[in-house]
Protein backbone atom coordinates (compact mmCIF):
# COMPACT_ATOMS: atom_id res chain seq x y z
CA MET A 1 68.47 109.70 118.50
CA ALA A 2 71.51 107.47 118.38
CA THR A 3 70.40 106.17 114.93
CA LEU A 4 69.92 109.66 113.73
CA GLY A 5 73.42 110.74 114.97
CA PHE A 6 74.91 107.63 113.27
CA GLY A 7 73.22 108.62 110.00
CA VAL A 8 74.21 112.30 110.13
CA ASN A 9 77.84 111.54 110.97
CA PHE A 10 78.02 108.85 108.25
CA TRP A 11 76.71 111.40 105.81
CA ALA A 12 79.72 113.63 106.67
CA TRP A 13 82.04 110.66 106.59
CA ALA A 14 81.03 109.75 103.02
CA LEU A 15 81.12 113.31 101.51
CA LEU A 16 84.22 112.62 99.45
CA SER A 17 83.18 109.31 97.91
CA PRO A 18 80.57 110.64 95.34
CA LEU A 19 82.99 113.45 94.39
CA GLY A 20 85.88 111.05 93.53
CA PRO A 21 85.07 110.69 89.80
CA LEU A 22 84.62 114.47 89.58
CA PHE A 23 88.10 115.13 90.93
CA VAL A 24 89.47 112.66 88.41
CA SER A 25 87.62 114.36 85.55
CA GLU A 26 88.97 117.79 86.61
CA GLY A 27 92.49 116.37 86.43
CA MET A 28 93.18 116.83 90.20
CA VAL A 29 93.91 113.09 90.73
CA SER A 30 94.49 110.03 88.45
CA SER A 31 92.57 107.71 90.87
CA PRO A 32 90.23 108.66 93.72
CA ALA A 33 91.02 105.47 95.64
CA LEU A 34 93.30 107.05 98.26
CA ILE A 35 91.05 110.16 98.81
CA VAL A 36 88.04 108.05 99.63
CA ALA A 37 90.00 105.50 101.57
CA VAL A 38 91.74 107.84 103.98
CA PRO A 39 88.57 108.81 105.94
CA VAL A 40 87.69 105.16 106.12
CA ILE A 41 90.83 104.06 107.83
CA VAL A 42 90.91 107.03 110.26
CA GLY A 43 87.27 106.47 111.23
CA SER A 44 87.94 102.78 111.64
CA LEU A 45 90.98 103.06 113.92
CA GLY A 46 89.27 105.91 115.83
CA ARG A 47 86.49 103.48 116.91
CA ILE A 48 88.87 101.67 119.27
CA PRO A 49 89.43 104.61 121.63
CA ILE A 50 86.00 106.09 121.13
CA GLY A 51 84.44 102.75 122.09
CA ALA A 52 86.39 102.65 125.32
CA LEU A 53 85.57 106.33 126.07
CA THR A 54 81.89 105.49 125.52
CA ASP A 55 82.06 102.79 128.14
CA ARG A 56 83.46 105.40 130.55
CA PHE A 57 81.45 108.60 129.68
CA GLY A 58 78.27 107.20 127.97
CA GLY A 59 76.64 107.82 124.62
CA ARG A 60 74.85 110.89 125.94
CA VAL A 61 78.13 112.77 126.13
CA MET A 62 80.03 111.25 123.31
CA MET A 63 77.54 111.44 120.38
CA PRO A 64 76.94 115.25 120.52
CA LEU A 65 80.66 115.81 121.27
CA LEU A 66 81.85 113.96 118.18
CA SER A 67 79.16 115.54 116.04
CA ILE A 68 80.38 119.06 117.02
CA ILE A 69 84.09 118.04 116.43
CA THR A 70 83.23 116.75 112.95
CA ILE A 71 82.07 120.16 111.80
CA VAL A 72 85.58 121.44 111.69
CA PRO A 73 86.95 119.08 109.02
CA VAL A 74 83.63 119.28 107.07
CA LEU A 75 84.00 123.11 106.67
CA PHE A 76 87.82 122.79 106.09
CA VAL A 77 87.20 120.47 103.15
CA GLY A 78 84.36 122.59 101.90
CA PHE A 79 86.24 126.00 101.87
CA ILE A 80 89.88 125.10 101.65
CA GLY A 81 90.61 121.36 101.25
CA GLN A 82 88.80 120.42 98.08
CA TYR A 83 90.99 122.44 95.74
CA THR A 84 94.33 120.60 95.96
CA TYR A 85 95.25 116.95 96.37
CA GLY A 86 97.32 117.51 99.47
CA THR A 87 94.68 119.44 101.33
CA LEU A 88 92.07 116.92 100.25
CA LEU A 89 94.09 114.21 101.96
CA VAL A 90 94.45 116.29 105.17
CA GLY A 91 90.77 117.12 105.21
CA GLY A 92 89.84 113.59 104.55
CA PHE A 93 92.06 112.43 107.39
CA PHE A 94 90.20 114.49 109.96
CA LEU A 95 86.87 113.93 108.30
CA GLY A 96 87.44 110.27 109.25
CA ILE A 97 86.51 111.21 112.89
CA ALA A 98 82.87 111.11 111.83
CA GLY A 99 83.16 107.40 111.15
CA ALA A 100 84.13 106.69 114.73
CA THR A 101 80.59 107.58 116.01
CA PHE A 102 79.59 104.04 115.12
CA SER A 103 81.18 102.63 118.31
CA ILE A 104 79.15 105.12 120.46
CA GLY A 105 75.74 104.01 119.42
CA VAL A 106 76.07 100.35 119.78
CA PRO A 107 76.74 100.23 123.54
CA TYR A 108 74.33 103.14 124.14
CA VAL A 109 71.49 101.32 122.35
CA ASN A 110 72.46 97.96 123.80
CA SER A 111 72.11 99.23 127.35
CA TRP A 112 68.51 100.21 126.83
CA PHE A 113 67.21 96.73 125.83
CA PRO A 114 67.03 93.32 127.38
CA PRO A 115 69.21 90.51 125.87
CA GLU A 116 66.35 89.00 123.84
CA LYS A 117 65.76 92.27 121.93
CA ARG A 118 69.29 93.48 121.46
CA GLY A 119 69.68 91.92 118.01
CA MET A 120 66.70 94.01 116.79
CA ALA A 121 67.81 97.13 118.64
CA THR A 122 71.39 97.16 117.29
CA GLY A 123 70.02 96.22 113.84
CA VAL A 124 67.70 99.19 113.86
CA TYR A 125 70.66 101.42 115.02
CA GLY A 126 72.60 100.12 111.95
CA ILE A 127 70.11 101.88 109.74
CA GLY A 128 72.16 104.94 110.37
CA MET A 129 74.77 103.68 107.94
CA GLY A 130 72.30 104.87 105.31
CA GLY A 131 73.85 108.30 105.80
CA THR A 132 76.14 107.29 102.97
CA ALA A 133 73.06 107.01 100.75
CA ILE A 134 72.08 110.54 101.61
CA SER A 135 75.55 111.65 100.66
CA ALA A 136 75.24 109.78 97.32
CA PHE A 137 71.87 111.35 96.54
CA VAL A 138 72.58 115.06 97.37
CA THR A 139 76.33 115.67 97.23
CA VAL A 140 76.90 115.71 93.48
CA PRO A 141 73.72 117.62 92.61
CA LEU A 142 74.50 120.29 95.23
CA PHE A 143 78.07 120.44 94.14
CA LYS A 144 77.14 120.97 90.44
CA ASN A 145 73.99 123.04 90.75
CA VAL A 146 74.46 125.17 93.86
CA GLY A 147 78.12 125.46 94.35
CA SER A 148 81.23 123.49 95.43
CA VAL A 149 80.89 124.35 99.06
CA ALA A 150 77.06 123.77 99.31
CA PRO A 151 77.10 120.11 100.38
CA PHE A 152 79.72 120.79 103.06
CA VAL A 153 77.85 123.79 104.55
CA LEU A 154 74.60 121.80 104.60
CA VAL A 155 76.19 118.91 106.44
CA ALA A 156 77.88 121.29 108.96
CA VAL A 157 74.44 122.90 109.74
CA VAL A 158 72.83 119.49 110.11
CA LEU A 159 75.54 118.35 112.43
CA ALA A 160 75.16 121.46 114.62
CA VAL A 161 71.40 121.04 114.91
CA TYR A 162 71.73 117.33 115.73
CA ALA A 163 74.39 117.96 118.42
CA LEU A 164 72.16 120.51 120.16
CA ALA A 165 69.18 118.18 120.00
CA ALA A 166 71.14 115.15 121.17
CA TRP A 167 72.61 117.07 124.15
CA THR A 168 69.05 118.14 125.03
CA MET A 169 67.20 114.91 124.54
CA MET A 170 69.57 111.90 124.85
CA ARG A 171 69.84 110.08 128.26
CA ASN A 172 71.93 107.14 129.28
CA ALA A 173 69.88 104.02 130.25
CA PRO A 174 69.02 103.82 133.99
CA THR A 175 70.99 100.51 134.16
CA TRP A 176 74.16 101.97 132.64
CA ALA A 177 77.10 102.68 134.79
CA PRO A 178 80.54 103.91 133.65
CA ALA A 179 83.41 101.55 133.33
CA THR A 180 85.89 102.04 136.13
CA LYS A 181 88.96 100.66 134.40
CA SER A 182 91.49 102.80 132.60
CA MET A 183 91.17 102.84 128.90
CA ILE A 184 94.39 100.79 128.51
CA SER A 185 93.18 98.15 130.97
CA GLN A 186 89.78 97.97 129.37
CA LEU A 187 91.13 97.57 125.83
CA ALA A 188 93.65 94.89 127.09
CA HIS A 189 90.85 93.05 128.67
CA VAL A 190 88.59 92.78 125.66
CA ALA A 191 91.66 92.04 123.44
CA ARG A 192 91.95 88.76 125.49
CA ILE A 193 88.38 87.73 124.58
CA ARG A 194 88.25 85.29 121.72
CA LEU A 195 84.80 86.52 120.50
CA THR A 196 86.34 89.94 119.97
CA TRP A 197 88.66 88.59 117.17
CA GLN A 198 85.99 86.26 115.68
CA ALA A 199 83.62 89.17 115.40
CA CYS A 200 86.42 91.37 113.98
CA TYR A 201 86.83 89.09 110.95
CA LEU A 202 83.06 88.61 110.51
CA TYR A 203 82.57 92.46 110.45
CA ALA A 204 85.58 93.08 108.39
CA VAL A 205 83.92 91.08 105.57
CA ALA A 206 80.27 92.09 106.07
CA PHE A 207 80.57 95.87 106.95
CA GLY A 208 83.99 96.23 105.19
CA GLY A 209 82.45 94.93 102.00
CA TYR A 210 79.61 97.36 102.36
CA VAL A 211 81.93 100.34 103.01
CA ALA A 212 84.14 99.35 100.10
CA PHE A 213 81.25 99.32 97.72
CA SER A 214 79.67 102.46 99.13
CA VAL A 215 82.92 104.46 98.54
CA TYR A 216 84.14 102.79 95.30
CA LEU A 217 81.07 101.53 93.54
CA PRO A 218 80.53 104.84 91.53
CA THR A 219 84.07 104.55 90.20
CA LEU A 220 83.66 100.82 89.47
CA LEU A 221 80.44 101.25 87.60
CA HIS A 222 81.87 104.23 85.71
CA ASN A 223 84.95 102.36 84.66
CA TRP A 224 83.66 98.78 84.15
CA TYR A 225 80.20 99.43 82.80
CA ASP A 226 80.60 102.94 81.25
CA VAL A 227 77.91 104.36 83.50
CA SER A 228 77.75 108.11 83.85
CA ILE A 229 79.03 109.63 87.08
CA GLY A 230 75.68 110.88 88.17
CA ASP A 231 73.92 107.56 87.35
CA ALA A 232 76.71 105.68 89.08
CA SER A 233 76.19 107.53 92.27
CA LEU A 234 72.45 106.94 92.18
CA ARG A 235 73.05 103.19 91.68
CA MET A 236 75.44 103.19 94.53
CA ALA A 237 72.71 104.73 96.64
CA GLY A 238 70.42 101.87 95.71
CA PHE A 239 73.06 99.41 96.79
CA VAL A 240 73.32 101.22 100.14
CA ILE A 241 69.56 101.35 100.69
CA VAL A 242 69.25 97.63 100.24
CA ALA A 243 72.11 96.95 102.57
CA VAL A 244 70.75 99.39 105.11
CA ALA A 245 67.24 97.79 104.97
CA MET A 246 68.66 94.27 105.45
CA ARG A 247 70.69 95.25 108.52
CA PRO A 248 67.85 95.50 111.03
CA LEU A 249 66.42 92.31 109.46
CA GLY A 250 69.70 90.67 110.27
CA GLY A 251 69.26 91.69 113.92
CA ILE A 252 65.63 90.56 114.07
CA LEU A 253 66.47 87.15 112.47
CA SER A 254 69.29 86.77 114.99
CA ASP A 255 66.78 87.09 117.78
CA ARG A 256 64.54 84.53 116.27
CA ILE A 257 66.75 82.00 114.48
CA GLY A 258 70.13 82.71 115.96
CA ALA A 259 73.04 84.98 114.99
CA THR A 260 75.12 82.14 113.56
CA THR A 261 72.40 81.03 111.16
CA THR A 262 71.72 84.61 110.05
CA LEU A 263 75.46 85.05 109.38
CA LEU A 264 75.62 81.88 107.34
CA VAL A 265 72.68 82.99 105.19
CA GLY A 266 74.12 86.44 104.63
CA TYR A 267 77.59 85.31 103.70
CA ALA A 268 76.27 82.55 101.45
CA VAL A 269 74.26 85.04 99.48
CA VAL A 270 77.32 87.38 99.10
CA ALA A 271 79.51 84.48 97.85
CA VAL A 272 76.84 83.28 95.23
CA MET A 273 76.19 86.74 93.91
CA ALA A 274 79.91 87.49 93.61
CA ILE A 275 80.31 84.37 91.49
CA VAL A 276 77.33 85.38 89.36
CA VAL A 277 79.01 88.79 88.62
CA ILE A 278 82.36 87.11 87.77
CA VAL A 279 80.68 84.52 85.42
CA LEU A 280 78.73 87.27 83.77
CA HIS A 281 81.93 89.15 82.82
CA MET A 282 83.48 85.92 81.51
CA TRP A 283 80.51 85.47 79.12
CA GLN A 284 80.18 88.98 77.98
CA ASP A 285 82.62 91.03 75.85
CA ALA A 286 80.87 94.29 76.81
CA PRO A 287 79.58 93.76 80.42
CA SER A 288 76.08 95.00 81.10
CA LEU A 289 74.30 95.74 84.31
CA ILE A 290 70.80 94.79 83.03
CA PRO A 291 69.46 92.54 84.40
CA VAL A 292 71.76 89.98 85.88
CA GLY A 293 74.57 92.36 86.88
CA THR A 294 72.13 94.52 88.83
CA VAL A 295 70.70 91.39 90.57
CA GLY A 296 74.27 90.37 91.52
CA TYR A 297 75.25 93.64 93.14
CA ILE A 298 71.87 94.07 94.87
CA GLY A 299 72.15 90.46 96.12
CA MET A 300 75.60 91.26 97.60
CA ALA A 301 74.14 94.34 99.29
CA ALA A 302 71.44 92.24 100.87
CA GLY A 303 73.88 89.61 102.17
CA LEU A 304 76.29 92.20 103.52
CA GLY A 305 73.47 93.97 105.27
CA LEU A 306 72.27 90.72 106.88
CA GLY A 307 75.85 89.88 107.97
CA SER A 308 76.37 93.34 109.49
CA GLY A 309 73.23 93.03 111.61
CA GLY A 310 74.11 89.51 112.67
CA VAL A 311 77.60 90.30 113.96
CA PHE A 312 76.36 92.82 116.52
CA ALA A 313 73.51 90.60 117.49
CA LEU A 314 76.17 88.02 118.30
CA ILE A 315 78.15 90.55 120.37
CA ALA A 316 75.08 91.85 122.23
CA LYS A 317 73.98 88.43 123.23
CA ARG A 318 77.39 86.87 124.16
CA SER A 319 79.39 89.63 125.78
CA ASP A 320 79.32 91.41 129.07
CA PRO A 321 77.29 94.73 128.79
CA ALA A 322 80.22 96.62 130.45
CA ASP A 323 82.52 95.50 127.64
CA VAL A 324 80.21 96.14 124.62
CA GLY A 325 81.58 99.59 123.85
CA SER A 326 85.19 98.38 123.82
CA ILE A 327 84.43 95.29 121.83
CA THR A 328 82.51 97.44 119.43
CA GLY A 329 85.52 99.54 119.06
CA PHE A 330 87.77 96.75 117.99
CA VAL A 331 85.10 95.20 115.79
CA GLY A 332 84.04 98.47 114.23
CA ALA A 333 87.69 99.24 113.49
CA ALA A 334 87.96 95.83 111.79
CA GLY A 335 84.85 96.60 109.67
CA GLY A 336 86.28 99.92 108.58
CA LEU A 337 89.69 98.54 107.77
CA GLY A 338 87.79 95.85 105.84
CA GLY A 339 86.49 98.75 103.71
CA PHE A 340 89.88 100.50 103.42
CA VAL A 341 91.86 97.97 101.57
CA PRO A 342 89.39 97.02 98.71
CA PRO A 343 89.19 100.42 97.15
CA LEU A 344 92.93 100.60 96.98
CA LEU A 345 93.18 97.06 95.64
CA LEU A 346 90.45 97.63 93.09
CA GLY A 347 92.05 100.94 91.92
CA PHE A 348 95.38 99.17 91.45
CA MET A 349 93.73 96.35 89.50
CA TRP A 350 92.01 98.79 87.24
CA VAL A 351 95.22 100.71 86.42
CA GLN A 352 97.19 97.51 85.89
CA ARG A 353 94.68 95.27 84.20
CA GLY A 354 91.56 97.32 83.42
CA ASP A 355 89.48 94.67 85.17
CA TYR A 356 87.94 94.18 88.55
CA SER A 357 87.18 90.44 88.43
CA THR A 358 89.96 89.34 90.69
CA GLY A 359 88.74 91.70 93.43
CA ILE A 360 85.19 90.23 93.26
CA ALA A 361 86.68 86.73 93.46
CA LEU A 362 88.65 87.66 96.60
CA LEU A 363 85.35 88.85 98.12
CA ALA A 364 83.76 85.50 97.42
CA MET A 365 86.64 83.67 99.04
CA ALA A 366 86.59 85.92 102.05
CA THR A 367 82.86 85.28 102.62
CA VAL A 368 83.29 81.51 102.30
CA PHE A 369 85.96 81.64 105.08
CA ALA A 370 83.66 83.95 107.08
CA MET A 371 81.03 81.14 107.12
CA LEU A 372 83.55 78.93 108.84
CA VAL A 373 84.41 81.54 111.35
CA ALA A 374 80.66 82.17 112.02
CA VAL A 375 80.31 78.40 112.85
CA TRP A 376 83.34 78.66 115.14
CA ALA A 377 82.03 81.74 116.93
CA GLY A 378 78.66 80.03 117.41
CA GLN A 379 80.13 77.22 119.47
CA PRO A 380 79.43 77.37 123.28
CA ALA A 381 83.05 77.96 124.16
CA ALA A 382 83.08 81.23 122.22
CA ALA A 383 80.13 82.66 124.06
CA THR A 384 81.90 85.00 126.38
CA ALA A 385 85.21 85.36 128.16
CA ARG A 386 83.55 86.30 131.45
CA PRO A 387 80.07 85.76 132.98
CA ALA A 388 77.71 88.64 132.61
CA ARG A 389 77.84 91.27 135.28
CA SER A 390 76.38 94.69 135.82
CA ALA A 391 78.17 97.51 134.04
CA GLY A 392 81.19 98.66 135.87
CA ALA A 393 81.12 95.85 138.42
CA PRO A 394 84.06 93.62 139.05
CA ALA A 395 83.95 90.14 137.45
CA GLU A 396 83.28 87.13 139.65
CA GLU A 397 85.91 84.45 138.98
CA THR A 398 84.47 81.02 138.26
CA PRO A 399 86.14 77.83 136.94
CA ASP A 400 84.42 78.24 133.66
CA SER A 401 85.47 81.90 133.17
CA ALA A 402 89.10 81.11 134.21
CA ALA A 403 89.21 78.22 131.72
CA GLU A 404 87.70 80.47 129.01
CA GLU A 405 90.21 83.25 129.74
CA ALA A 406 93.06 80.78 129.44
CA LEU A 407 91.69 79.37 126.21
CA SER A 408 91.25 82.89 124.80
């Protein structure tokens, strides 16, 4: 149920991305970068308080609640917001709430599984990010063939049905207990944990890269490769499907060979494939996707999916269960923010230079640095800032935990 909720809300979160090129063709905007980026940044920052609230109230309350709240901006954009640039930005801002549901499901799922299976569990939960693929497949066809409000009405109905089902069927794990700290104290506590910030960068690259491609790839393919808008959306969906499929594999591999090794493999694949795409453009006057370009982008999708699964396997295994929601909030925010900057940067590069090669090169550099951070995070001293305790219970002070807190 958590995975389903994640997927449905991500479908809502990604509604504007496939429509960006259409808004450009209709003369509403010169570039769709800001329109598709606004929901990303709002959903990202919203994960911090939503993660802390999940530690306090549990996923059983928070998941259906946010699903119901998301219906309001979905219908606003469908019936009012999509017709002017200003109202699109307003609607996109509040539509970003849907992206915050990510930080609900990770602690909820994490609490149901023993440590040796949490990598697999959080990886399977990550399949929900495939909601962006659903949006890519159905939004433009519904918009063109049924009516401009059709995709928004459909999503609103699905959200309402899911919220009712989630409220009826979801239960918090028997071992779960609400956090007793205030939100400010809880957030301040996890901000002092070194693993929090290491995981933030790792996820900003892995999931941020995925988000950036999922919202901007249709525009990139249309501009750089002269692919039609509809075909570009379908190709983006293929990219998303590969990344989504690799995310649970990243969690499973983390359980078997370790999260650090899984992260190193994922980031290495991204860096190599990014270099392949850049070299391809250097050799071709008229860049083509077939066959090497397609391999490059699909390879990056696979690496980003592995990395996304590995990050939360690392968190699940090395953090206190009572802190997972709050840590997830910070890390999820970093991932979303990692997806906010690239579309704006790529849009600027295209307007100024008519080329995206520099942006792809920056991705390769960021993933190489992420490999170094992954090794650092895998060191024993980075395991946790406090020894494991039952959810909501006070920490037991030990010499090791005090030293680790000071080091953090």
